[in-house]
Amino acid sequence: MATPVAVVRLMVTLVGAPLGLAVAALYGVALLVGYLIAAFFLGDLGDRLLRRGAPPTTGSRLAFLVAALVALALLRLIPVAGGAVLFLALVLGLGAWTIRGYREFLGGLRPPSEPLP
C-alpha cells in the first residue's frame, strides 16, 4: 500500500509528475490484473470440481469466470470480511502473475541442461 503514497510524493515535484502518472496508471492495471487472475483461478477450480473428468470448454470456462467474478463481488459486500477477501484475491492474483512472469523470464535465460556437442 505504499504505491499511492509514492505516487503522491512524485506528483508534488514537476520532474516526477509524469513518472507519478505512469506509476498510478500501471498500479491500477496491476490491481485489475491481480483481481482477474484470482477470478480465473476460482473459476477454473469450480469448473474442475463440478465437472469431474469432463474436459473444460471455452463456454464452461467463461461461465465459471463470470460466476467467480459475481461471487467475489458478493463477498466484497460483507462488512469486515469483504475487504479481507478483496485484499487476499489481489495479493494472490498478483503473486501468481509475478511467479509466472519470473518463471517465463528465467526459462529463456537458463542454459541448456545438456551440454551441446
N, C-alpha and C. Protein backbone atom coordinates (compact mmCIF):
# COMPACT_ATOMS: atom_id res chain seq x y z
N MET A 1 0.80 -1.20 0.00
CA MET A 1 0.00 0.00 0.00
C MET A 1 0.85 1.26 0.00
N ALA A 2 2.11 1.11 -0.26
CA ALA A 2 2.99 2.28 -0.31
C ALA A 2 2.95 2.95 -1.67
N THR A 3 2.40 2.29 -2.66
CA THR A 3 2.41 2.86 -4.01
C THR A 3 1.61 4.15 -4.10
N PRO A 4 0.39 4.25 -3.55
CA PRO A 4 -0.31 5.54 -3.63
C PRO A 4 0.45 6.68 -2.94
N VAL A 5 1.11 6.38 -1.84
CA VAL A 5 1.89 7.40 -1.15
C VAL A 5 3.06 7.84 -2.03
N ALA A 6 3.72 6.90 -2.66
CA ALA A 6 4.84 7.23 -3.54
C ALA A 6 4.36 8.03 -4.75
N VAL A 7 3.19 7.72 -5.27
CA VAL A 7 2.65 8.46 -6.41
C VAL A 7 2.38 9.91 -6.01
N VAL A 8 1.79 10.11 -4.85
CA VAL A 8 1.52 11.48 -4.39
C VAL A 8 2.82 12.25 -4.20
N ARG A 9 3.81 11.60 -3.63
CA ARG A 9 5.10 12.27 -3.43
C ARG A 9 5.76 12.61 -4.76
N LEU A 10 5.62 11.76 -5.75
CA LEU A 10 6.17 12.06 -7.07
C LEU A 10 5.41 13.19 -7.75
N MET A 11 4.09 13.22 -7.56
CA MET A 11 3.27 14.23 -8.22
C MET A 11 3.52 15.64 -7.68
N VAL A 12 4.09 15.75 -6.51
CA VAL A 12 4.36 17.06 -5.92
C VAL A 12 5.45 17.79 -6.71
N THR A 13 6.41 17.04 -7.22
CA THR A 13 7.51 17.67 -7.96
C THR A 13 7.16 17.76 -9.44
N LEU A 14 7.70 18.73 -10.10
CA LEU A 14 7.45 18.92 -11.52
C LEU A 14 8.11 17.81 -12.35
N VAL A 15 9.28 17.41 -11.96
CA VAL A 15 10.00 16.38 -12.70
C VAL A 15 9.36 15.01 -12.50
N GLY A 16 8.84 14.74 -11.31
CA GLY A 16 8.27 13.44 -11.02
C GLY A 16 6.82 13.28 -11.43
N ALA A 17 6.16 14.35 -11.89
CA ALA A 17 4.74 14.26 -12.24
C ALA A 17 4.47 13.24 -13.36
N PRO A 18 5.23 13.24 -14.46
CA PRO A 18 4.96 12.22 -15.49
C PRO A 18 5.20 10.80 -14.98
N LEU A 19 6.24 10.62 -14.18
CA LEU A 19 6.51 9.31 -13.61
C LEU A 19 5.39 8.91 -12.64
N GLY A 20 4.91 9.86 -11.86
CA GLY A 20 3.81 9.58 -10.94
C GLY A 20 2.54 9.18 -11.67
N LEU A 21 2.24 9.86 -12.79
CA LEU A 21 1.06 9.48 -13.58
C LEU A 21 1.22 8.08 -14.17
N ALA A 22 2.42 7.77 -14.66
CA ALA A 22 2.65 6.45 -15.23
C ALA A 22 2.53 5.36 -14.17
N VAL A 23 3.10 5.60 -13.00
CA VAL A 23 3.03 4.60 -11.92
C VAL A 23 1.58 4.43 -11.46
N ALA A 24 0.83 5.51 -11.37
CA ALA A 24 -0.58 5.41 -10.97
C ALA A 24 -1.38 4.60 -11.97
N ALA A 25 -1.12 4.80 -13.26
CA ALA A 25 -1.84 4.04 -14.28
C ALA A 25 -1.47 2.56 -14.23
N LEU A 26 -0.18 2.28 -14.10
CA LEU A 26 0.26 0.88 -14.02
C LEU A 26 -0.23 0.20 -12.75
N TYR A 27 -0.33 0.95 -11.67
CA TYR A 27 -0.83 0.40 -10.42
C TYR A 27 -2.29 -0.03 -10.57
N GLY A 28 -3.09 0.80 -11.22
CA GLY A 28 -4.48 0.44 -11.46
C GLY A 28 -4.61 -0.79 -12.34
N VAL A 29 -3.79 -0.86 -13.37
CA VAL A 29 -3.82 -2.03 -14.26
C VAL A 29 -3.38 -3.28 -13.50
N ALA A 30 -2.35 -3.15 -12.67
CA ALA A 30 -1.86 -4.31 -11.92
C ALA A 30 -2.92 -4.82 -10.95
N LEU A 31 -3.66 -3.91 -10.31
CA LEU A 31 -4.73 -4.35 -9.40
C LEU A 31 -5.83 -5.07 -10.16
N LEU A 32 -6.18 -4.56 -11.33
CA LEU A 32 -7.20 -5.22 -12.14
C LEU A 32 -6.74 -6.60 -12.59
N VAL A 33 -5.48 -6.70 -13.03
CA VAL A 33 -4.94 -7.99 -13.47
C VAL A 33 -4.93 -8.99 -12.30
N GLY A 34 -4.50 -8.54 -11.13
CA GLY A 34 -4.49 -9.42 -9.97
C GLY A 34 -5.88 -9.94 -9.62
N TYR A 35 -6.87 -9.06 -9.68
CA TYR A 35 -8.25 -9.45 -9.38
C TYR A 35 -8.76 -10.45 -10.41
N LEU A 36 -8.47 -10.21 -11.69
CA LEU A 36 -8.93 -11.12 -12.74
C LEU A 36 -8.23 -12.46 -12.67
N ILE A 37 -6.95 -12.47 -12.32
CA ILE A 37 -6.25 -13.76 -12.21
C ILE A 37 -6.83 -14.58 -11.06
N ALA A 38 -7.15 -13.92 -9.95
CA ALA A 38 -7.79 -14.63 -8.84
C ALA A 38 -9.14 -15.18 -9.27
N ALA A 39 -9.90 -14.41 -10.05
CA ALA A 39 -11.20 -14.88 -10.54
C ALA A 39 -11.02 -16.04 -11.53
N PHE A 40 -10.02 -15.95 -12.40
CA PHE A 40 -9.74 -17.08 -13.31
C PHE A 40 -9.44 -18.34 -12.52
N PHE A 41 -8.62 -18.22 -11.48
CA PHE A 41 -8.27 -19.39 -10.67
C PHE A 41 -9.51 -19.97 -10.01
N LEU A 42 -10.33 -19.11 -9.40
CA LEU A 42 -11.54 -19.61 -8.74
C LEU A 42 -12.50 -20.24 -9.75
N GLY A 43 -12.61 -19.64 -10.93
CA GLY A 43 -13.47 -20.21 -11.97
C GLY A 43 -12.97 -21.55 -12.44
N ASP A 44 -11.67 -21.68 -12.67
CA ASP A 44 -11.12 -22.97 -13.09
C ASP A 44 -11.26 -24.02 -11.99
N LEU A 45 -11.08 -23.60 -10.75
CA LEU A 45 -11.25 -24.53 -9.63
C LEU A 45 -12.69 -25.02 -9.56
N GLY A 46 -13.64 -24.11 -9.70
CA GLY A 46 -15.05 -24.51 -9.71
C GLY A 46 -15.38 -25.41 -10.88
N ASP A 47 -14.79 -25.12 -12.03
CA ASP A 47 -15.03 -25.96 -13.22
C ASP A 47 -14.50 -27.36 -12.99
N ARG A 48 -13.30 -27.48 -12.43
CA ARG A 48 -12.72 -28.80 -12.19
C ARG A 48 -13.50 -29.58 -11.12
N LEU A 49 -13.99 -28.87 -10.11
CA LEU A 49 -14.71 -29.57 -9.03
C LEU A 49 -16.10 -30.02 -9.47
N LEU A 50 -16.77 -29.24 -10.27
CA LEU A 50 -18.15 -29.58 -10.64
C LEU A 50 -18.24 -30.45 -11.89
N ARG A 51 -17.24 -30.38 -12.75
CA ARG A 51 -17.27 -31.17 -13.99
C ARG A 51 -16.12 -32.17 -13.98
N ARG A 52 -16.09 -33.03 -13.01
CA ARG A 52 -15.01 -34.01 -12.85
C ARG A 52 -14.88 -34.90 -14.08
N GLY A 53 -13.67 -34.95 -14.63
CA GLY A 53 -13.42 -35.82 -15.75
C GLY A 53 -13.75 -35.24 -17.10
N ALA A 54 -14.67 -34.30 -17.16
CA ALA A 54 -15.05 -33.72 -18.45
C ALA A 54 -14.03 -32.63 -18.81
N PRO A 55 -13.58 -32.62 -20.05
CA PRO A 55 -12.61 -31.57 -20.44
C PRO A 55 -13.29 -30.20 -20.45
N PRO A 56 -12.59 -29.17 -19.99
CA PRO A 56 -13.21 -27.84 -19.95
C PRO A 56 -13.37 -27.28 -21.36
N THR A 57 -14.49 -26.65 -21.59
CA THR A 57 -14.74 -25.99 -22.86
C THR A 57 -14.62 -24.48 -22.65
N THR A 58 -14.56 -23.77 -23.74
CA THR A 58 -14.47 -22.31 -23.65
C THR A 58 -15.72 -21.73 -22.99
N GLY A 59 -16.86 -22.28 -23.33
CA GLY A 59 -18.11 -21.80 -22.74
C GLY A 59 -18.18 -22.04 -21.24
N SER A 60 -17.74 -23.23 -20.81
CA SER A 60 -17.79 -23.52 -19.38
C SER A 60 -16.78 -22.66 -18.62
N ARG A 61 -15.61 -22.44 -19.21
CA ARG A 61 -14.62 -21.57 -18.55
C ARG A 61 -15.14 -20.15 -18.41
N LEU A 62 -15.79 -19.65 -19.45
CA LEU A 62 -16.34 -18.30 -19.40
C LEU A 62 -17.47 -18.21 -18.38
N ALA A 63 -18.32 -19.23 -18.33
CA ALA A 63 -19.42 -19.24 -17.37
C ALA A 63 -18.89 -19.28 -15.94
N PHE A 64 -17.88 -20.09 -15.68
CA PHE A 64 -17.33 -20.18 -14.34
C PHE A 64 -16.53 -18.92 -13.97
N LEU A 65 -15.93 -18.26 -14.97
CA LEU A 65 -15.26 -16.99 -14.70
C LEU A 65 -16.27 -15.94 -14.27
N VAL A 66 -17.38 -15.86 -14.97
CA VAL A 66 -18.43 -14.90 -14.61
C VAL A 66 -18.97 -15.23 -13.22
N ALA A 67 -19.17 -16.50 -12.94
CA ALA A 67 -19.66 -16.91 -11.61
C ALA A 67 -18.65 -16.53 -10.52
N ALA A 68 -17.36 -16.70 -10.80
CA ALA A 68 -16.34 -16.33 -9.82
C ALA A 68 -16.31 -14.82 -9.61
N LEU A 69 -16.45 -14.05 -10.68
CA LEU A 69 -16.49 -12.58 -10.53
C LEU A 69 -17.71 -12.14 -9.72
N VAL A 70 -18.85 -12.77 -9.95
CA VAL A 70 -20.05 -12.45 -9.18
C VAL A 70 -19.86 -12.85 -7.72
N ALA A 71 -19.26 -14.02 -7.48
CA ALA A 71 -19.03 -14.46 -6.10
C ALA A 71 -18.07 -13.52 -5.37
N LEU A 72 -17.01 -13.08 -6.04
CA LEU A 72 -16.09 -12.13 -5.41
C LEU A 72 -16.77 -10.79 -5.14
N ALA A 73 -17.62 -10.36 -6.07
CA ALA A 73 -18.34 -9.10 -5.86
C ALA A 73 -19.31 -9.20 -4.69
N LEU A 74 -19.97 -10.34 -4.55
CA LEU A 74 -20.89 -10.52 -3.43
C LEU A 74 -20.14 -10.64 -2.10
N LEU A 75 -18.98 -11.30 -2.12
CA LEU A 75 -18.19 -11.41 -0.90
C LEU A 75 -17.66 -10.05 -0.44
N ARG A 76 -17.45 -9.14 -1.38
CA ARG A 76 -16.97 -7.81 -1.01
C ARG A 76 -18.00 -7.02 -0.23
N LEU A 77 -19.27 -7.41 -0.30
CA LEU A 77 -20.32 -6.69 0.40
C LEU A 77 -20.36 -7.00 1.89
N ILE A 78 -19.69 -8.05 2.32
CA ILE A 78 -19.64 -8.39 3.74
C ILE A 78 -18.77 -7.34 4.43
N PRO A 79 -19.26 -6.70 5.51
CA PRO A 79 -18.58 -5.53 6.07
C PRO A 79 -17.09 -5.70 6.36
N VAL A 80 -16.67 -6.60 7.17
CA VAL A 80 -15.25 -6.70 7.53
C VAL A 80 -14.53 -7.71 6.65
N ALA A 81 -15.15 -8.84 6.43
CA ALA A 81 -14.52 -9.90 5.67
C ALA A 81 -14.40 -9.54 4.18
N GLY A 82 -15.24 -8.66 3.69
CA GLY A 82 -15.20 -8.29 2.29
C GLY A 82 -13.88 -7.63 1.90
N GLY A 83 -13.39 -6.74 2.74
CA GLY A 83 -12.10 -6.11 2.48
C GLY A 83 -10.97 -7.11 2.54
N ALA A 84 -11.06 -8.05 3.47
CA ALA A 84 -10.02 -9.08 3.58
C ALA A 84 -10.04 -10.00 2.37
N VAL A 85 -11.22 -10.34 1.88
CA VAL A 85 -11.34 -11.19 0.69
C VAL A 85 -10.77 -10.48 -0.53
N LEU A 86 -11.08 -9.20 -0.67
CA LEU A 86 -10.55 -8.42 -1.79
C LEU A 86 -9.03 -8.33 -1.71
N PHE A 87 -8.51 -8.05 -0.54
CA PHE A 87 -7.06 -7.96 -0.36
C PHE A 87 -6.38 -9.30 -0.66
N LEU A 88 -6.97 -10.38 -0.17
CA LEU A 88 -6.41 -11.70 -0.40
C LEU A 88 -6.43 -12.06 -1.89
N ALA A 89 -7.53 -11.73 -2.57
CA ALA A 89 -7.62 -12.01 -4.00
C ALA A 89 -6.57 -11.21 -4.77
N LEU A 90 -6.39 -9.94 -4.42
CA LEU A 90 -5.40 -9.12 -5.10
C LEU A 90 -3.98 -9.62 -4.86
N VAL A 91 -3.67 -9.95 -3.62
CA VAL A 91 -2.32 -10.41 -3.29
C VAL A 91 -2.02 -11.75 -3.97
N LEU A 92 -2.96 -12.68 -3.90
CA LEU A 92 -2.73 -13.99 -4.53
C LEU A 92 -2.68 -13.89 -6.05
N GLY A 93 -3.53 -13.06 -6.62
CA GLY A 93 -3.51 -12.89 -8.07
C GLY A 93 -2.23 -12.23 -8.56
N LEU A 94 -1.79 -11.18 -7.88
CA LEU A 94 -0.54 -10.51 -8.26
C LEU A 94 0.66 -11.42 -8.00
N GLY A 95 0.61 -12.20 -6.94
CA GLY A 95 1.69 -13.13 -6.66
C GLY A 95 1.80 -14.21 -7.72
N ALA A 96 0.66 -14.75 -8.14
CA ALA A 96 0.66 -15.77 -9.19
C ALA A 96 1.18 -15.20 -10.50
N TRP A 97 0.78 -13.97 -10.80
CA TRP A 97 1.23 -13.31 -12.03
C TRP A 97 2.74 -13.07 -11.98
N THR A 98 3.23 -12.66 -10.83
CA THR A 98 4.66 -12.41 -10.67
C THR A 98 5.46 -13.71 -10.81
N ILE A 99 5.01 -14.76 -10.17
CA ILE A 99 5.72 -16.04 -10.25
C ILE A 99 5.72 -16.55 -11.69
N ARG A 100 4.60 -16.44 -12.36
CA ARG A 100 4.53 -16.90 -13.75
C ARG A 100 5.48 -16.09 -14.64
N GLY A 101 5.50 -14.79 -14.46
CA GLY A 101 6.41 -13.95 -15.24
C GLY A 101 7.85 -14.25 -14.93
N TYR A 102 8.15 -14.49 -13.68
CA TYR A 102 9.52 -14.82 -13.28
C TYR A 102 9.97 -16.13 -13.92
N ARG A 103 9.11 -17.12 -13.90
CA ARG A 103 9.46 -18.41 -14.50
C ARG A 103 9.59 -18.31 -16.01
N GLU A 104 8.73 -17.53 -16.64
CA GLU A 104 8.82 -17.37 -18.09
C GLU A 104 10.10 -16.62 -18.47
N PHE A 105 10.44 -15.60 -17.70
CA PHE A 105 11.63 -14.82 -17.99
C PHE A 105 12.89 -15.65 -17.79
N LEU A 106 12.97 -16.38 -16.69
CA LEU A 106 14.15 -17.18 -16.44
C LEU A 106 14.21 -18.40 -17.34
N GLY A 107 13.08 -18.86 -17.82
CA GLY A 107 13.09 -20.00 -18.72
C GLY A 107 13.85 -19.72 -20.00
N GLY A 108 13.83 -18.48 -20.46
CA GLY A 108 14.56 -18.13 -21.67
C GLY A 108 16.02 -17.83 -21.40
N LEU A 109 16.41 -17.61 -20.15
CA LEU A 109 17.78 -17.26 -19.82
C LEU A 109 18.61 -18.42 -19.30
N ARG A 110 17.98 -19.50 -18.93
CA ARG A 110 18.71 -20.63 -18.36
C ARG A 110 19.54 -21.32 -19.43
N PRO A 111 20.71 -21.77 -19.03
CA PRO A 111 21.49 -22.53 -20.01
C PRO A 111 20.87 -23.90 -20.22
N PRO A 112 21.11 -24.50 -21.36
CA PRO A 112 20.52 -25.83 -21.60
C PRO A 112 21.02 -26.83 -20.57
N SER A 113 20.17 -27.79 -20.21
CA SER A 113 20.52 -28.75 -19.18
C SER A 113 21.58 -29.73 -19.68
N GLU A 114 21.58 -30.02 -20.97
CA GLU A 114 22.60 -30.93 -21.53
C GLU A 114 23.59 -30.10 -22.33
N PRO A 115 24.86 -30.42 -22.21
CA PRO A 115 25.85 -29.66 -22.99
C PRO A 115 25.69 -29.93 -24.48
N LEU A 116 25.94 -28.92 -25.26
CA LEU A 116 25.84 -29.06 -26.71
C LEU A 116 27.07 -29.80 -27.22
N PRO A 117 26.92 -30.64 -28.25
CA PRO A 117 28.07 -31.39 -28.77
C PRO A 117 29.05 -30.48 -29.49
